[in-house]
């Protein structure tokens, strides 16, 4: 389905960045899901943030809508028989829209953005080579792009009228997106640890050289 574009990803990413502060960093997963009122509040906020993107994403379905109208004109009888079923597949139950995994997926996104933002790249002190920095930035761009794609699909499965899927299919897709975002969050944590380890190693090397120079004179 050719509805994705770089502008879509950029717009969605900016929406999510603006939305992230709504989630308190002090709130743990346990606290979040323990308090039902708080859970509902955050779910509403998360869905609202995703719905900001709905109008933009929905433009890609104008052609699909025209196609259905054409089918209706050509095969009115058969289309009428199946119209109720098709309409039911295009609706989303409240259970899907308020599923706890929706909240966790958005929290994973917040963690991923925070993880990459907190990486020390050593630009000012030149601890990392240009090749290292380019590689780190390319990994960051790829992960965030994949996140944008997952979140765009998440928006589609929780929004009525965009995809013809029953609740089971939507739940299966939600599980798939949850695991995908969970894996990206785990990768980001591991990658951030590797970057910090590399920077730390470079810093130790510089301190060792400084110590030797101080103890034994300026050694070339």
C-alpha atoms as a PDB file:
ATOM      1  CA  UNK A   1       0.000   0.000   0.000  1.00  0.00           C
ATOM      2  CA  UNK A   2       1.668   3.167  -1.225  1.00  0.00           C
ATOM      3  CA  UNK A   3       0.400   5.681   1.308  1.00  0.00           C
ATOM      4  CA  UNK A   4       3.644   6.364   3.108  1.00  0.00           C
ATOM      5  CA  UNK A   5       5.926   9.246   2.280  1.00  0.00           C
ATOM      6  CA  UNK A   6       8.840  11.032   3.895  1.00  0.00           C
ATOM      7  CA  UNK A   7       6.563  13.966   4.717  1.00  0.00           C
ATOM      8  CA  UNK A   8       4.199  11.618   6.548  1.00  0.00           C
ATOM      9  CA  UNK A   9       7.040  10.243   8.653  1.00  0.00           C
ATOM     10  CA  UNK A  10       8.439  13.677   9.456  1.00  0.00           C
ATOM     11  CA  UNK A  11       5.021  15.001  10.443  1.00  0.00           C
ATOM     12  CA  UNK A  12       4.223  11.992  12.623  1.00  0.00           C
ATOM     13  CA  UNK A  13       7.614  12.207  14.315  1.00  0.00           C
ATOM     14  CA  UNK A  14       7.100  15.892  15.166  1.00  0.00           C
ATOM     15  CA  UNK A  15       3.619  15.144  16.514  1.00  0.00           C
ATOM     16  CA  UNK A  16       5.010  12.456  18.782  1.00  0.00           C
ATOM     17  CA  UNK A  17       7.873  14.640  19.974  1.00  0.00           C
ATOM     18  CA  UNK A  18       5.377  17.306  20.947  1.00  0.00           C
ATOM     19  CA  UNK A  19       3.244  14.708  22.667  1.00  0.00           C
ATOM     20  CA  UNK A  20       5.970  13.012  24.679  1.00  0.00           C
ATOM     21  CA  UNK A  21       6.071  15.635  27.494  1.00  0.00           C
ATOM     22  CA  UNK A  22       2.476  14.724  28.340  1.00  0.00           C
ATOM     23  CA  UNK A  23       3.754  11.470  29.801  1.00  0.00           C
ATOM     24  CA  UNK A  24       5.493  12.015  33.132  1.00  0.00           C
ATOM     25  CA  UNK A  25       8.971  10.544  33.207  1.00  0.00           C
ATOM     26  CA  UNK A  26       8.522   9.790  36.907  1.00  0.00           C
ATOM     27  CA  UNK A  27       5.587   7.475  36.238  1.00  0.00           C
ATOM     28  CA  UNK A  28       6.621   3.830  36.055  1.00  0.00           C
ATOM     29  CA  UNK A  29       4.887   1.156  34.020  1.00  0.00           C
ATOM     30  CA  UNK A  30       3.571  -0.416  37.226  1.00  0.00           C
ATOM     31  CA  UNK A  31       2.048   2.837  38.454  1.00  0.00           C
ATOM     32  CA  UNK A  32       0.679   3.591  34.999  1.00  0.00           C
ATOM     33  CA  UNK A  33      -1.325   0.392  34.703  1.00  0.00           C
ATOM     34  CA  UNK A  34      -2.204   0.125  38.393  1.00  0.00           C
ATOM     35  CA  UNK A  35      -4.321   3.263  38.481  1.00  0.00           C
ATOM     36  CA  UNK A  36      -7.349   2.859  36.225  1.00  0.00           C
ATOM     37  CA  UNK A  37      -8.238   6.539  36.176  1.00  0.00           C
ATOM     38  CA  UNK A  38      -4.707   7.526  35.293  1.00  0.00           C
ATOM     39  CA  UNK A  39      -4.596   4.819  32.625  1.00  0.00           C
ATOM     40  CA  UNK A  40      -7.749   6.094  30.960  1.00  0.00           C
ATOM     41  CA  UNK A  41      -6.465   9.663  31.068  1.00  0.00           C
ATOM     42  CA  UNK A  42      -3.232   8.769  29.324  1.00  0.00           C
ATOM     43  CA  UNK A  43      -4.957   6.536  26.791  1.00  0.00           C
ATOM     44  CA  UNK A  44      -7.197   9.426  25.812  1.00  0.00           C
ATOM     45  CA  UNK A  45      -4.170  11.695  25.428  1.00  0.00           C
ATOM     46  CA  UNK A  46      -2.292   9.126  23.362  1.00  0.00           C
ATOM     47  CA  UNK A  47      -5.206   8.479  21.038  1.00  0.00           C
ATOM     48  CA  UNK A  48      -5.765  12.223  20.676  1.00  0.00           C
ATOM     49  CA  UNK A  49      -2.127  12.737  19.705  1.00  0.00           C
ATOM     50  CA  UNK A  50      -2.305   9.984  17.122  1.00  0.00           C
ATOM     51  CA  UNK A  51      -5.586  11.335  15.751  1.00  0.00           C
ATOM     52  CA  UNK A  52      -3.872  14.628  14.926  1.00  0.00           C
ATOM     53  CA  UNK A  53      -2.180  12.629  12.202  1.00  0.00           C
ATOM     54  CA  UNK A  54      -5.404  11.025  10.984  1.00  0.00           C
ATOM     55  CA  UNK A  55      -6.396  13.765   8.570  1.00  0.00           C
ATOM     56  CA  UNK A  56      -2.999  13.639   6.889  1.00  0.00           C
ATOM     57  CA  UNK A  57      -2.859   9.858   6.594  1.00  0.00           C
ATOM     58  CA  UNK A  58      -6.456   9.576   5.412  1.00  0.00           C
ATOM     59  CA  UNK A  59      -5.668  11.456   2.191  1.00  0.00           C
ATOM     60  CA  UNK A  60      -4.015   8.346   0.857  1.00  0.00           C
ATOM     61  CA  UNK A  61      -7.351   6.528   0.840  1.00  0.00           C
ATOM     62  CA  UNK A  62      -9.251   8.799  -1.560  1.00  0.00           C
ATOM     63  CA  UNK A  63      -8.497   6.476  -4.471  1.00  0.00           C
ATOM     64  CA  UNK A  64      -9.602   3.436  -2.486  1.00  0.00           C
ATOM     65  CA  UNK A  65     -12.907   5.148  -1.718  1.00  0.00           C
ATOM     66  CA  UNK A  66     -13.471   5.905  -5.399  1.00  0.00           C
ATOM     67  CA  UNK A  67     -12.776   2.276  -6.207  1.00  0.00           C
ATOM     68  CA  UNK A  68     -15.511   1.116  -3.845  1.00  0.00           C
ATOM     69  CA  UNK A  69     -18.000   3.514  -5.428  1.00  0.00           C
ATOM     70  CA  UNK A  70     -17.187   2.077  -8.855  1.00  0.00           C
ATOM     71  CA  UNK A  71     -17.762  -1.468  -7.612  1.00  0.00           C
ATOM     72  CA  UNK A  72     -21.063  -0.387  -6.087  1.00  0.00           C
ATOM     73  CA  UNK A  73     -22.278   0.937  -9.436  1.00  0.00           C
ATOM     74  CA  UNK A  74     -21.214  -2.158 -11.371  1.00  0.00           C
ATOM     75  CA  UNK A  75     -22.443  -4.825  -8.961  1.00  0.00           C
ATOM     76  CA  UNK A  76     -25.130  -3.136  -6.888  1.00  0.00           C
ATOM     77  CA  UNK A  77     -26.807  -6.323  -5.756  1.00  0.00           C
ATOM     78  CA  UNK A  78     -23.731  -8.128  -4.519  1.00  0.00           C
ATOM     79  CA  UNK A  79     -22.297  -4.961  -3.031  1.00  0.00           C
ATOM     80  CA  UNK A  80     -25.508  -4.407  -1.051  1.00  0.00           C
ATOM     81  CA  UNK A  81     -25.353  -7.910   0.379  1.00  0.00           C
ATOM     82  CA  UNK A  82     -21.833  -7.346   1.649  1.00  0.00           C
ATOM     83  CA  UNK A  83     -22.017  -3.641   2.530  1.00  0.00           C
ATOM     84  CA  UNK A  84     -23.020  -4.287   6.154  1.00  0.00           C
ATOM     85  CA  UNK A  85     -20.157  -6.739   6.598  1.00  0.00           C
ATOM     86  CA  UNK A  86     -17.659  -4.353   4.990  1.00  0.00           C
ATOM     87  CA  UNK A  87     -18.886  -1.521   7.228  1.00  0.00           C
ATOM     88  CA  UNK A  88     -18.450  -3.694  10.320  1.00  0.00           C
ATOM     89  CA  UNK A  89     -14.886  -4.498   9.283  1.00  0.00           C
ATOM     90  CA  UNK A  90     -14.170  -0.781   8.935  1.00  0.00           C
ATOM     91  CA  UNK A  91     -15.327  -0.011  12.482  1.00  0.00           C
ATOM     92  CA  UNK A  92     -13.147  -0.402  15.547  1.00  0.00           C
ATOM     93  CA  UNK A  93     -14.427  -1.606  18.889  1.00  0.00           C
ATOM     94  CA  UNK A  94     -13.755   0.471  22.034  1.00  0.00           C
ATOM     95  CA  UNK A  95     -11.770  -2.494  23.363  1.00  0.00           C
ATOM     96  CA  UNK A  96      -9.243  -2.140  20.551  1.00  0.00           C
ATOM     97  CA  UNK A  97      -8.984   1.643  20.895  1.00  0.00           C
ATOM     98  CA  UNK A  98      -8.404   1.437  24.670  1.00  0.00           C
ATOM     99  CA  UNK A  99      -6.125  -1.614  24.699  1.00  0.00           C
ATOM    100  CA  UNK A 100      -3.247  -1.299  27.167  1.00  0.00           C
ATOM    101  CA  UNK A 101      -0.695  -2.177  24.482  1.00  0.00           C
ATOM    102  CA  UNK A 102      -1.551   1.073  22.724  1.00  0.00           C
ATOM    103  CA  UNK A 103      -0.235   2.961  25.740  1.00  0.00           C
ATOM    104  CA  UNK A 104       2.881   0.808  25.981  1.00  0.00           C
ATOM    105  CA  UNK A 105       3.699   1.260  22.298  1.00  0.00           C
ATOM    106  CA  UNK A 106       3.662   5.036  22.730  1.00  0.00           C
ATOM    107  CA  UNK A 107       5.790   4.719  25.878  1.00  0.00           C
ATOM    108  CA  UNK A 108       8.291   2.592  23.943  1.00  0.00           C
ATOM    109  CA  UNK A 109       8.472   5.386  21.367  1.00  0.00           C
ATOM    110  CA  UNK A 110       9.182   7.899  24.122  1.00  0.00           C
ATOM    111  CA  UNK A 111      11.938   5.670  25.510  1.00  0.00           C
ATOM    112  CA  UNK A 112      13.536   5.255  22.079  1.00  0.00           C
ATOM    113  CA  UNK A 113      13.590   8.995  21.369  1.00  0.00           C
ATOM    114  CA  UNK A 114      14.991   9.696  24.838  1.00  0.00           C
ATOM    115  CA  UNK A 115      17.631   6.978  24.429  1.00  0.00           C
ATOM    116  CA  UNK A 116      19.019   8.408  21.212  1.00  0.00           C
ATOM    117  CA  UNK A 117      18.783  11.983  22.504  1.00  0.00           C
ATOM    118  CA  UNK A 118      20.862  11.043  25.545  1.00  0.00           C
ATOM    119  CA  UNK A 119      23.737   9.473  23.635  1.00  0.00           C
ATOM    120  CA  UNK A 120      27.093  11.183  24.153  1.00  0.00           C
ATOM    121  CA  UNK A 121      28.692  11.397  20.744  1.00  0.00           C
ATOM    122  CA  UNK A 122      31.855  13.215  21.830  1.00  0.00           C
ATOM    123  CA  UNK A 123      31.640  15.852  19.101  1.00  0.00           C
ATOM    124  CA  UNK A 124      33.229  18.663  21.141  1.00  0.00           C
ATOM    125  CA  UNK A 125      36.213  16.673  22.367  1.00  0.00           C
ATOM    126  CA  UNK A 126      36.618  14.602  19.202  1.00  0.00           C
ATOM    127  CA  UNK A 127      36.410  11.320  21.083  1.00  0.00           C
ATOM    128  CA  UNK A 128      34.741   9.552  18.179  1.00  0.00           C
ATOM    129  CA  UNK A 129      35.823   9.499  14.581  1.00  0.00           C
ATOM    130  CA  UNK A 130      33.683  11.016  11.843  1.00  0.00           C
ATOM    131  CA  UNK A 131      32.904   7.492  10.645  1.00  0.00           C
ATOM    132  CA  UNK A 132      31.650   6.561  14.124  1.00  0.00           C
ATOM    133  CA  UNK A 133      29.388   9.594  14.296  1.00  0.00           C
ATOM    134  CA  UNK A 134      27.991   9.044  10.805  1.00  0.00           C
ATOM    135  CA  UNK A 135      27.228   5.410  11.651  1.00  0.00           C
ATOM    136  CA  UNK A 136      25.486   6.341  14.907  1.00  0.00           C
ATOM    137  CA  UNK A 137      23.359   8.951  13.164  1.00  0.00           C
ATOM    138  CA  UNK A 138      22.419   6.488  10.406  1.00  0.00           C
ATOM    139  CA  UNK A 139      21.296   3.919  12.988  1.00  0.00           C
ATOM    140  CA  UNK A 140      19.269   6.576  14.793  1.00  0.00           C
ATOM    141  CA  UNK A 141      17.579   7.672  11.560  1.00  0.00           C
ATOM    142  CA  UNK A 142      16.725   4.071  10.597  1.00  0.00           C
ATOM    143  CA  UNK A 143      15.254   3.215  14.009  1.00  0.00           C
ATOM    144  CA  UNK A 144      13.159   6.385  14.167  1.00  0.00           C
ATOM    145  CA  UNK A 145      11.921   5.818  10.620  1.00  0.00           C
ATOM    146  CA  UNK A 146      10.862   2.279  11.531  1.00  0.00           C
ATOM    147  CA  UNK A 147       9.103   3.677  14.606  1.00  0.00           C
ATOM    148  CA  UNK A 148       7.208   6.144  12.433  1.00  0.00           C
ATOM    149  CA  UNK A 149       6.068   3.320  10.153  1.00  0.00           C
ATOM    150  CA  UNK A 150       4.852   1.253  13.114  1.00  0.00           C
ATOM    151  CA  UNK A 151       3.010   4.209  14.618  1.00  0.00           C
ATOM    152  CA  UNK A 152       1.389   5.023  11.306  1.00  0.00           C
ATOM    153  CA  UNK A 153       0.067   1.459  11.102  1.00  0.00           C
ATOM    154  CA  UNK A 154      -1.060   1.723  14.729  1.00  0.00           C
ATOM    155  CA  UNK A 155      -3.091   4.770  13.817  1.00  0.00           C
ATOM    156  CA  UNK A 156      -4.714   2.877  10.964  1.00  0.00           C
ATOM    157  CA  UNK A 157      -5.786  -0.111  13.045  1.00  0.00           C
ATOM    158  CA  UNK A 158      -7.330   1.996  15.837  1.00  0.00           C
ATOM    159  CA  UNK A 159      -9.120   4.379  13.466  1.00  0.00           C
ATOM    160  CA  UNK A 160     -12.513   3.392  11.998  1.00  0.00           C
ATOM    161  CA  UNK A 161     -13.058   3.468   8.264  1.00  0.00           C
ATOM    162  CA  UNK A 162      -9.445   3.083   7.122  1.00  0.00           C
ATOM    163  CA  UNK A 163      -8.807  -0.668   7.103  1.00  0.00           C
ATOM    164  CA  UNK A 164     -11.256  -3.513   6.542  1.00  0.00           C
ATOM    165  CA  UNK A 165     -10.205  -5.787   9.412  1.00  0.00           C
ATOM    166  CA  UNK A 166     -12.169  -7.595  12.101  1.00  0.00           C
ATOM    167  CA  UNK A 167     -11.239  -7.246  15.776  1.00  0.00           C
ATOM    168  CA  UNK A 168      -9.131 -10.411  15.789  1.00  0.00           C
ATOM    169  CA  UNK A 169      -7.064  -9.197  12.841  1.00  0.00           C
ATOM    170  CA  UNK A 170      -6.627  -5.804  14.509  1.00  0.00           C
ATOM    171  CA  UNK A 171      -5.546  -7.426  17.776  1.00  0.00           C
ATOM    172  CA  UNK A 172      -3.066  -9.636  15.920  1.00  0.00           C
ATOM    173  CA  UNK A 173      -1.632  -6.568  14.196  1.00  0.00           C
ATOM    174  CA  UNK A 174      -1.532  -4.689  17.507  1.00  0.00           C
ATOM    175  CA  UNK A 175       0.457  -7.562  19.038  1.00  0.00           C
ATOM    176  CA  UNK A 176       2.831  -7.484  16.074  1.00  0.00           C
ATOM    177  CA  UNK A 177       3.367  -3.721  16.416  1.00  0.00           C
ATOM    178  CA  UNK A 178       3.834  -4.072  20.173  1.00  0.00           C
ATOM    179  CA  UNK A 179       6.586  -6.679  19.726  1.00  0.00           C
ATOM    180  CA  UNK A 180       8.196  -4.632  16.964  1.00  0.00           C
ATOM    181  CA  UNK A 181       8.346  -1.490  19.096  1.00  0.00           C
ATOM    182  CA  UNK A 182       9.452  -3.481  22.138  1.00  0.00           C
ATOM    183  CA  UNK A 183      12.344  -4.941  20.137  1.00  0.00           C
ATOM    184  CA  UNK A 184      13.364  -1.491  18.908  1.00  0.00           C
ATOM    185  CA  UNK A 185      13.329  -0.170  22.474  1.00  0.00           C
ATOM    186  CA  UNK A 186      15.546  -3.066  23.605  1.00  0.00           C
ATOM    187  CA  UNK A 187      17.893  -2.488  20.659  1.00  0.00           C
ATOM    188  CA  UNK A 188      18.095   1.232  21.475  1.00  0.00           C
ATOM    189  CA  UNK A 189      19.055   0.479  25.082  1.00  0.00           C
ATOM    190  CA  UNK A 190      21.784  -1.934  23.966  1.00  0.00           C
ATOM    191  CA  UNK A 191      23.045   0.403  21.243  1.00  0.00           C
ATOM    192  CA  UNK A 192      23.141   3.361  23.643  1.00  0.00           C
ATOM    193  CA  UNK A 193      25.140   1.255  26.104  1.00  0.00           C
ATOM    194  CA  UNK A 194      27.617   0.329  23.352  1.00  0.00           C
ATOM    195  CA  UNK A 195      28.029   3.977  22.339  1.00  0.00           C
ATOM    196  CA  UNK A 196      28.544   5.061  25.931  1.00  0.00           C
ATOM    197  CA  UNK A 197      31.055   2.249  26.381  1.00  0.00           C
ATOM    198  CA  UNK A 198      32.986   3.380  23.314  1.00  0.00           C
ATOM    199  CA  UNK A 199      33.010   6.987  24.498  1.00  0.00           C
ATOM    200  CA  UNK A 200      34.044   5.878  27.985  1.00  0.00           C
ATOM    201  CA  UNK A 201      36.913   3.845  26.541  1.00  0.00           C
ATOM    202  CA  UNK A 202      38.129   6.844  24.549  1.00  0.00           C
ATOM    203  CA  UNK A 203      37.932   9.023  27.652  1.00  0.00           C
ATOM    204  CA  UNK A 204      39.977   6.499  29.655  1.00  0.00           C
ATOM    205  CA  UNK A 205      42.617   6.423  26.922  1.00  0.00           C
ATOM    206  CA  UNK A 206      42.881  10.214  26.994  1.00  0.00           C
ATOM    207  CA  UNK A 207      43.126  10.249  30.786  1.00  0.00           C
ATOM    208  CA  UNK A 208      45.858   7.607  30.659  1.00  0.00           C
ATOM    209  CA  UNK A 209      47.846   9.640  28.139  1.00  0.00           C
ATOM    210  CA  UNK A 210      47.355  12.770  30.247  1.00  0.00           C
ATOM    211  CA  UNK A 211      48.535  10.931  33.374  1.00  0.00           C
ATOM    212  CA  UNK A 212      51.646   9.611  31.630  1.00  0.00           C
ATOM    213  CA  UNK A 213      52.477  13.037  30.242  1.00  0.00           C
ATOM    214  CA  UNK A 214      52.055  14.563  33.675  1.00  0.00           C
ATOM    215  CA  UNK A 215      54.112  11.866  35.411  1.00  0.00           C
ATOM    216  CA  UNK A 216      56.927  11.423  32.902  1.00  0.00           C
ATOM    217  CA  UNK A 217      56.890  14.577  30.854  1.00  0.00           C
ATOM    218  CA  UNK A 218      55.462  15.291  27.429  1.00  0.00           C
ATOM    219  CA  UNK A 219      55.846  11.970  25.623  1.00  0.00           C
ATOM    220  CA  UNK A 220      55.227  12.011  21.854  1.00  0.00           C
END
